[in-house]
Amino acid sequence: MSIVSEFREFAMRGNVIDLAVGVIIGAAFAPIVSTLVENIIMPPIGYALAGIDFSALAITLPTPTGDGVLIKYGLFLNALFKFLITALAIFLLIRALNKFQKPKAVEAPPPPPQSEIYLREIRDALVKK
């Protein structure tokens, strides 16, 4: 099998196409979540915590040259909230999609082989004697 045909077979599988759609939707969803976290969720949380702006939270580590090194943990908290909201939204979306899918039909087990049926008949006949 040539590399081109093998790649085509791989790319046309349902999982790869589903993954591509998920990436595109995720990329389109990212600005919405960023705006939601930065402008709607974080201001009330900051207000409740005495007017703290999370994006400005940082720790300054002193250096020998006098310039401090900033550890901006507030930006990390914003990113963490964005991740949690995105994960929750994707979970709820997938959960809703799974409810709309038809349940898979349960297949009946295959009938036993004929030799097993004969063995059962012989066993039953021996038990009766």
N, C-alpha and C. Protein backbone atom coordinates (compact mmCIF):
# COMPACT_ATOMS: atom_id res chain seq x y z
N MET A 1 0.85 -1.17 0.00
CA MET A 1 0.00 0.00 0.00
C MET A 1 0.90 1.24 0.00
N SER A 2 0.65 2.17 -0.88
CA SER A 2 1.50 3.36 -0.95
C SER A 2 1.21 4.29 0.21
N ILE A 3 2.12 5.17 0.45
CA ILE A 3 1.97 6.11 1.57
C ILE A 3 0.77 7.01 1.36
N VAL A 4 0.54 7.45 0.14
CA VAL A 4 -0.58 8.35 -0.15
C VAL A 4 -1.91 7.67 0.14
N SER A 5 -2.08 6.44 -0.35
CA SER A 5 -3.35 5.74 -0.11
C SER A 5 -3.51 5.39 1.36
N GLU A 6 -2.41 5.06 2.04
CA GLU A 6 -2.48 4.76 3.46
C GLU A 6 -2.87 6.01 4.26
N PHE A 7 -2.29 7.17 3.88
CA PHE A 7 -2.64 8.42 4.55
C PHE A 7 -4.10 8.78 4.28
N ARG A 8 -4.56 8.58 3.06
CA ARG A 8 -5.95 8.89 2.72
C ARG A 8 -6.90 8.03 3.55
N GLU A 9 -6.57 6.75 3.71
CA GLU A 9 -7.41 5.86 4.53
C GLU A 9 -7.43 6.32 5.97
N PHE A 10 -6.27 6.75 6.48
CA PHE A 10 -6.18 7.25 7.85
C PHE A 10 -6.99 8.54 8.02
N ALA A 11 -6.86 9.46 7.08
CA ALA A 11 -7.52 10.76 7.19
C ALA A 11 -9.03 10.66 7.04
N MET A 12 -9.52 9.65 6.36
CA MET A 12 -10.96 9.53 6.14
C MET A 12 -11.67 8.75 7.24
N ARG A 13 -10.94 8.30 8.23
CA ARG A 13 -11.59 7.65 9.36
C ARG A 13 -12.42 8.68 10.11
N GLY A 14 -13.45 8.24 10.75
CA GLY A 14 -14.34 9.15 11.45
C GLY A 14 -13.67 9.90 12.59
N ASN A 15 -12.75 9.25 13.29
CA ASN A 15 -12.12 9.90 14.43
C ASN A 15 -11.30 11.11 14.04
N VAL A 16 -10.60 11.03 12.92
CA VAL A 16 -9.77 12.15 12.49
C VAL A 16 -10.65 13.32 12.09
N ILE A 17 -11.72 13.06 11.41
CA ILE A 17 -12.63 14.13 11.00
C ILE A 17 -13.30 14.74 12.23
N ASP A 18 -13.71 13.92 13.18
CA ASP A 18 -14.29 14.43 14.42
C ASP A 18 -13.29 15.30 15.18
N LEU A 19 -12.03 14.87 15.19
CA LEU A 19 -11.00 15.65 15.86
C LEU A 19 -10.81 17.00 15.18
N ALA A 20 -10.81 17.02 13.85
CA ALA A 20 -10.66 18.27 13.12
C ALA A 20 -11.82 19.22 13.42
N VAL A 21 -13.02 18.70 13.45
CA VAL A 21 -14.18 19.54 13.77
C VAL A 21 -14.06 20.06 15.20
N GLY A 22 -13.61 19.23 16.12
CA GLY A 22 -13.44 19.65 17.50
C GLY A 22 -12.41 20.76 17.65
N VAL A 23 -11.32 20.66 16.90
CA VAL A 23 -10.28 21.70 16.96
C VAL A 23 -10.82 23.02 16.42
N ILE A 24 -11.56 22.96 15.33
CA ILE A 24 -12.11 24.18 14.74
C ILE A 24 -13.12 24.82 15.69
N ILE A 25 -13.99 24.02 16.28
CA ILE A 25 -14.97 24.55 17.23
C ILE A 25 -14.26 25.10 18.47
N GLY A 26 -13.24 24.41 18.94
CA GLY A 26 -12.48 24.89 20.10
C GLY A 26 -11.79 26.21 19.82
N ALA A 27 -11.23 26.36 18.62
CA ALA A 27 -10.58 27.62 18.26
C ALA A 27 -11.60 28.76 18.19
N ALA A 28 -12.78 28.47 17.70
CA ALA A 28 -13.81 29.50 17.62
C ALA A 28 -14.39 29.80 19.01
N PHE A 29 -14.35 28.84 19.89
CA PHE A 29 -14.93 28.97 21.23
C PHE A 29 -13.99 29.71 22.18
N ALA A 30 -12.69 29.69 21.91
CA ALA A 30 -11.69 30.28 22.82
C ALA A 30 -11.91 31.77 23.07
N PRO A 31 -12.16 32.61 22.07
CA PRO A 31 -12.38 34.03 22.37
C PRO A 31 -13.63 34.28 23.20
N ILE A 32 -14.64 33.46 23.00
CA ILE A 32 -15.87 33.61 23.79
C ILE A 32 -15.57 33.33 25.26
N VAL A 33 -14.83 32.27 25.53
CA VAL A 33 -14.50 31.93 26.91
C VAL A 33 -13.58 32.99 27.52
N SER A 34 -12.62 33.48 26.75
CA SER A 34 -11.72 34.52 27.26
C SER A 34 -12.50 35.76 27.67
N THR A 35 -13.42 36.19 26.82
CA THR A 35 -14.23 37.36 27.13
C THR A 35 -15.11 37.10 28.35
N LEU A 36 -15.68 35.92 28.42
CA LEU A 36 -16.54 35.57 29.55
C LEU A 36 -15.76 35.61 30.86
N VAL A 37 -14.58 35.01 30.87
CA VAL A 37 -13.78 34.97 32.11
C VAL A 37 -13.28 36.35 32.48
N GLU A 38 -12.69 37.08 31.52
CA GLU A 38 -12.06 38.37 31.83
C GLU A 38 -13.08 39.46 32.14
N ASN A 39 -14.24 39.46 31.51
CA ASN A 39 -15.16 40.58 31.65
C ASN A 39 -16.41 40.30 32.47
N ILE A 40 -16.75 39.04 32.69
CA ILE A 40 -17.98 38.74 33.40
C ILE A 40 -17.71 37.97 34.70
N ILE A 41 -16.84 36.99 34.68
CA ILE A 41 -16.63 36.15 35.86
C ILE A 41 -15.61 36.75 36.83
N MET A 42 -14.46 37.18 36.33
CA MET A 42 -13.40 37.66 37.22
C MET A 42 -13.72 38.98 37.91
N PRO A 43 -14.38 39.97 37.27
CA PRO A 43 -14.67 41.21 38.02
C PRO A 43 -15.51 41.00 39.28
N PRO A 44 -16.60 40.20 39.24
CA PRO A 44 -17.33 39.98 40.51
C PRO A 44 -16.50 39.24 41.55
N ILE A 45 -15.68 38.30 41.12
CA ILE A 45 -14.82 37.58 42.07
C ILE A 45 -13.82 38.55 42.68
N GLY A 46 -13.23 39.40 41.84
CA GLY A 46 -12.30 40.41 42.36
C GLY A 46 -12.99 41.39 43.28
N TYR A 47 -14.22 41.77 42.96
CA TYR A 47 -14.99 42.68 43.81
C TYR A 47 -15.29 42.04 45.17
N ALA A 48 -15.63 40.77 45.13
CA ALA A 48 -15.93 40.06 46.37
C ALA A 48 -14.68 39.92 47.24
N LEU A 49 -13.52 39.92 46.63
CA LEU A 49 -12.26 39.81 47.36
C LEU A 49 -11.60 41.17 47.52
N ALA A 50 -12.39 42.20 47.83
CA ALA A 50 -11.90 43.56 48.13
C ALA A 50 -11.29 44.25 46.91
N GLY A 51 -11.89 44.07 45.75
CA GLY A 51 -11.46 44.81 44.56
C GLY A 51 -10.16 44.35 43.94
N ILE A 52 -9.82 43.11 44.09
CA ILE A 52 -8.57 42.59 43.53
C ILE A 52 -8.74 42.34 42.04
N ASP A 53 -7.77 42.85 41.25
CA ASP A 53 -7.74 42.56 39.81
C ASP A 53 -6.80 41.37 39.63
N PHE A 54 -7.34 40.23 39.27
CA PHE A 54 -6.54 39.02 39.19
C PHE A 54 -5.43 39.12 38.16
N SER A 55 -5.66 39.82 37.07
CA SER A 55 -4.62 39.90 36.04
C SER A 55 -3.42 40.70 36.51
N ALA A 56 -3.57 41.50 37.57
CA ALA A 56 -2.46 42.30 38.08
C ALA A 56 -1.74 41.62 39.24
N LEU A 57 -2.23 40.49 39.71
CA LEU A 57 -1.59 39.82 40.83
C LEU A 57 -0.24 39.26 40.42
N ALA A 58 0.79 39.58 41.19
CA ALA A 58 2.13 39.10 40.88
C ALA A 58 2.98 39.16 42.14
N ILE A 59 4.03 38.36 42.14
CA ILE A 59 5.03 38.38 43.21
C ILE A 59 6.33 38.83 42.57
N THR A 60 7.01 39.76 43.23
CA THR A 60 8.29 40.24 42.72
C THR A 60 9.42 39.59 43.50
N LEU A 61 10.29 38.90 42.79
CA LEU A 61 11.46 38.28 43.42
C LEU A 61 12.65 39.21 43.21
N PRO A 62 13.36 39.52 44.27
CA PRO A 62 14.52 40.41 44.11
C PRO A 62 15.67 39.72 43.40
N THR A 63 16.44 40.51 42.68
CA THR A 63 17.61 40.00 41.98
C THR A 63 18.82 40.84 42.40
N PRO A 64 20.01 40.36 42.20
CA PRO A 64 21.20 41.15 42.58
C PRO A 64 21.33 42.47 41.80
N THR A 65 20.79 42.52 40.60
CA THR A 65 20.90 43.74 39.80
C THR A 65 19.90 44.81 40.24
N GLY A 66 18.96 44.46 41.06
CA GLY A 66 17.99 45.43 41.53
C GLY A 66 16.65 45.32 40.83
N ASP A 67 16.64 44.82 39.63
CA ASP A 67 15.38 44.61 38.91
C ASP A 67 14.73 43.34 39.45
N GLY A 68 13.47 43.43 39.74
CA GLY A 68 12.77 42.27 40.25
C GLY A 68 12.23 41.40 39.13
N VAL A 69 12.10 40.14 39.43
CA VAL A 69 11.50 39.19 38.49
C VAL A 69 10.06 38.98 38.93
N LEU A 70 9.13 39.17 37.99
CA LEU A 70 7.71 39.04 38.31
C LEU A 70 7.22 37.62 38.07
N ILE A 71 6.51 37.10 39.05
CA ILE A 71 5.79 35.84 38.88
C ILE A 71 4.32 36.23 38.86
N LYS A 72 3.72 36.21 37.68
CA LYS A 72 2.35 36.70 37.48
C LYS A 72 1.36 35.55 37.68
N TYR A 73 1.08 35.25 38.92
CA TYR A 73 0.16 34.15 39.20
C TYR A 73 -1.29 34.53 38.95
N GLY A 74 -1.61 35.79 38.86
CA GLY A 74 -2.97 36.23 38.53
C GLY A 74 -3.35 35.83 37.11
N LEU A 75 -2.40 35.95 36.19
CA LEU A 75 -2.67 35.51 34.81
C LEU A 75 -2.88 34.00 34.76
N PHE A 76 -2.14 33.29 35.61
CA PHE A 76 -2.33 31.84 35.69
C PHE A 76 -3.73 31.51 36.20
N LEU A 77 -4.20 32.25 37.21
CA LEU A 77 -5.55 32.02 37.73
C LEU A 77 -6.60 32.28 36.65
N ASN A 78 -6.41 33.36 35.86
CA ASN A 78 -7.33 33.63 34.75
C ASN A 78 -7.33 32.47 33.75
N ALA A 79 -6.14 32.00 33.40
CA ALA A 79 -6.04 30.89 32.45
C ALA A 79 -6.68 29.62 33.02
N LEU A 80 -6.53 29.41 34.32
CA LEU A 80 -7.14 28.25 34.95
C LEU A 80 -8.66 28.32 34.89
N PHE A 81 -9.22 29.51 35.17
CA PHE A 81 -10.66 29.68 35.06
C PHE A 81 -11.13 29.46 33.62
N LYS A 82 -10.37 29.95 32.65
CA LYS A 82 -10.73 29.75 31.24
C LYS A 82 -10.76 28.26 30.91
N PHE A 83 -9.75 27.54 31.38
CA PHE A 83 -9.70 26.10 31.11
C PHE A 83 -10.89 25.39 31.73
N LEU A 84 -11.20 25.71 32.99
CA LEU A 84 -12.31 25.03 33.66
C LEU A 84 -13.64 25.31 32.99
N ILE A 85 -13.85 26.54 32.56
CA ILE A 85 -15.09 26.88 31.87
C ILE A 85 -15.16 26.18 30.53
N THR A 86 -14.05 26.16 29.80
CA THR A 86 -14.03 25.47 28.51
C THR A 86 -14.29 23.98 28.69
N ALA A 87 -13.65 23.36 29.67
CA ALA A 87 -13.86 21.93 29.92
C ALA A 87 -15.31 21.65 30.29
N LEU A 88 -15.90 22.51 31.13
CA LEU A 88 -17.29 22.32 31.52
C LEU A 88 -18.22 22.47 30.32
N ALA A 89 -17.96 23.46 29.48
CA ALA A 89 -18.81 23.67 28.30
C ALA A 89 -18.71 22.50 27.33
N ILE A 90 -17.51 22.00 27.11
CA ILE A 90 -17.34 20.86 26.20
C ILE A 90 -18.00 19.62 26.80
N PHE A 91 -17.85 19.41 28.11
CA PHE A 91 -18.50 18.28 28.76
C PHE A 91 -20.02 18.34 28.57
N LEU A 92 -20.59 19.52 28.81
CA LEU A 92 -22.05 19.66 28.66
C LEU A 92 -22.48 19.46 27.21
N LEU A 93 -21.68 19.95 26.27
CA LEU A 93 -22.01 19.77 24.85
C LEU A 93 -21.98 18.30 24.46
N ILE A 94 -20.95 17.59 24.86
CA ILE A 94 -20.83 16.17 24.52
C ILE A 94 -21.93 15.37 25.23
N ARG A 95 -22.24 15.75 26.45
CA ARG A 95 -23.31 15.06 27.18
C ARG A 95 -24.65 15.24 26.46
N ALA A 96 -24.91 16.45 25.97
CA ALA A 96 -26.16 16.70 25.24
C ALA A 96 -26.18 15.93 23.92
N LEU A 97 -25.05 15.88 23.23
CA LEU A 97 -25.00 15.14 21.97
C LEU A 97 -25.20 13.65 22.20
N ASN A 98 -24.65 13.12 23.28
CA ASN A 98 -24.82 11.70 23.57
C ASN A 98 -26.27 11.35 23.88
N LYS A 99 -27.03 12.28 24.44
CA LYS A 99 -28.44 12.01 24.72
C LYS A 99 -29.25 11.92 23.44
N PHE A 100 -28.82 12.62 22.39
CA PHE A 100 -29.56 12.61 21.13
C PHE A 100 -29.23 11.41 20.26
N GLN A 101 -28.13 10.73 20.54
CA GLN A 101 -27.77 9.56 19.75
C GLN A 101 -28.69 8.40 20.10
N LYS A 102 -28.98 7.62 19.08
CA LYS A 102 -29.81 6.43 19.31
C LYS A 102 -29.01 5.40 20.08
N PRO A 103 -29.66 4.74 21.03
CA PRO A 103 -28.93 3.69 21.75
C PRO A 103 -28.64 2.52 20.81
N LYS A 104 -27.49 1.93 21.02
CA LYS A 104 -27.10 0.80 20.19
C LYS A 104 -27.96 -0.41 20.54
N ALA A 105 -28.39 -1.11 19.51
CA ALA A 105 -29.21 -2.30 19.72
C ALA A 105 -28.36 -3.40 20.33
N VAL A 106 -28.92 -4.05 21.32
CA VAL A 106 -28.23 -5.14 21.97
C VAL A 106 -28.47 -6.40 21.15
N GLU A 107 -27.40 -7.00 20.72
CA GLU A 107 -27.53 -8.20 19.90
C GLU A 107 -27.72 -9.41 20.80
N ALA A 108 -28.57 -10.33 20.34
CA ALA A 108 -28.77 -11.57 21.07
C ALA A 108 -27.53 -12.44 20.90
N PRO A 109 -27.19 -13.19 21.93
CA PRO A 109 -26.02 -14.05 21.78
C PRO A 109 -26.27 -15.10 20.69
N PRO A 110 -25.22 -15.49 20.00
CA PRO A 110 -25.41 -16.48 18.93
C PRO A 110 -25.86 -17.82 19.51
N PRO A 111 -26.62 -18.58 18.75
CA PRO A 111 -27.07 -19.88 19.26
C PRO A 111 -25.87 -20.80 19.48
N PRO A 112 -25.99 -21.73 20.43
CA PRO A 112 -24.87 -22.63 20.70
C PRO A 112 -24.64 -23.55 19.50
N PRO A 113 -23.45 -24.04 19.34
CA PRO A 113 -23.17 -24.97 18.23
C PRO A 113 -23.98 -26.25 18.39
N GLN A 114 -24.21 -26.91 17.28
CA GLN A 114 -25.03 -28.12 17.26
C GLN A 114 -24.44 -29.20 18.15
N SER A 115 -23.12 -29.29 18.22
CA SER A 115 -22.49 -30.32 19.06
C SER A 115 -22.82 -30.10 20.54
N GLU A 116 -22.91 -28.86 20.96
CA GLU A 116 -23.25 -28.57 22.34
C GLU A 116 -24.70 -28.98 22.63
N ILE A 117 -25.59 -28.78 21.67
CA ILE A 117 -26.99 -29.18 21.85
C ILE A 117 -27.08 -30.70 22.00
N TYR A 118 -26.32 -31.43 21.16
CA TYR A 118 -26.32 -32.90 21.26
C TYR A 118 -25.77 -33.34 22.61
N LEU A 119 -24.72 -32.70 23.09
CA LEU A 119 -24.15 -33.08 24.38
C LEU A 119 -25.14 -32.84 25.52
N ARG A 120 -25.91 -31.77 25.45
CA ARG A 120 -26.93 -31.50 26.46
C ARG A 120 -28.01 -32.58 26.43
N GLU A 121 -28.42 -32.98 25.22
CA GLU A 121 -29.44 -34.03 25.11
C GLU A 121 -28.94 -35.33 25.70
N ILE A 122 -27.67 -35.65 25.43
CA ILE A 122 -27.09 -36.88 25.98
C ILE A 122 -27.04 -36.78 27.50
N ARG A 123 -26.62 -35.64 28.02
CA ARG A 123 -26.55 -35.44 29.48
C ARG A 123 -27.94 -35.59 30.10
N ASP A 124 -28.95 -34.97 29.49
CA ASP A 124 -30.30 -35.06 30.02
C ASP A 124 -30.82 -36.51 29.98
N ALA A 125 -30.47 -37.24 28.92
CA ALA A 125 -30.93 -38.62 28.82
C ALA A 125 -30.25 -39.49 29.89
N LEU A 126 -28.98 -39.24 30.17
CA LEU A 126 -28.28 -39.99 31.20
C LEU A 126 -28.81 -39.66 32.60
N VAL A 127 -29.22 -38.44 32.80
CA VAL A 127 -29.75 -38.04 34.12
C VAL A 127 -31.08 -38.73 34.36
N LYS A 128 -31.89 -38.90 33.31
CA LYS A 128 -33.19 -39.54 33.47
C LYS A 128 -33.05 -41.01 33.82
N LYS A 129 -31.97 -41.68 33.42
CA LYS A 129 -31.81 -43.12 33.68
C LYS A 129 -31.40 -43.40 35.05
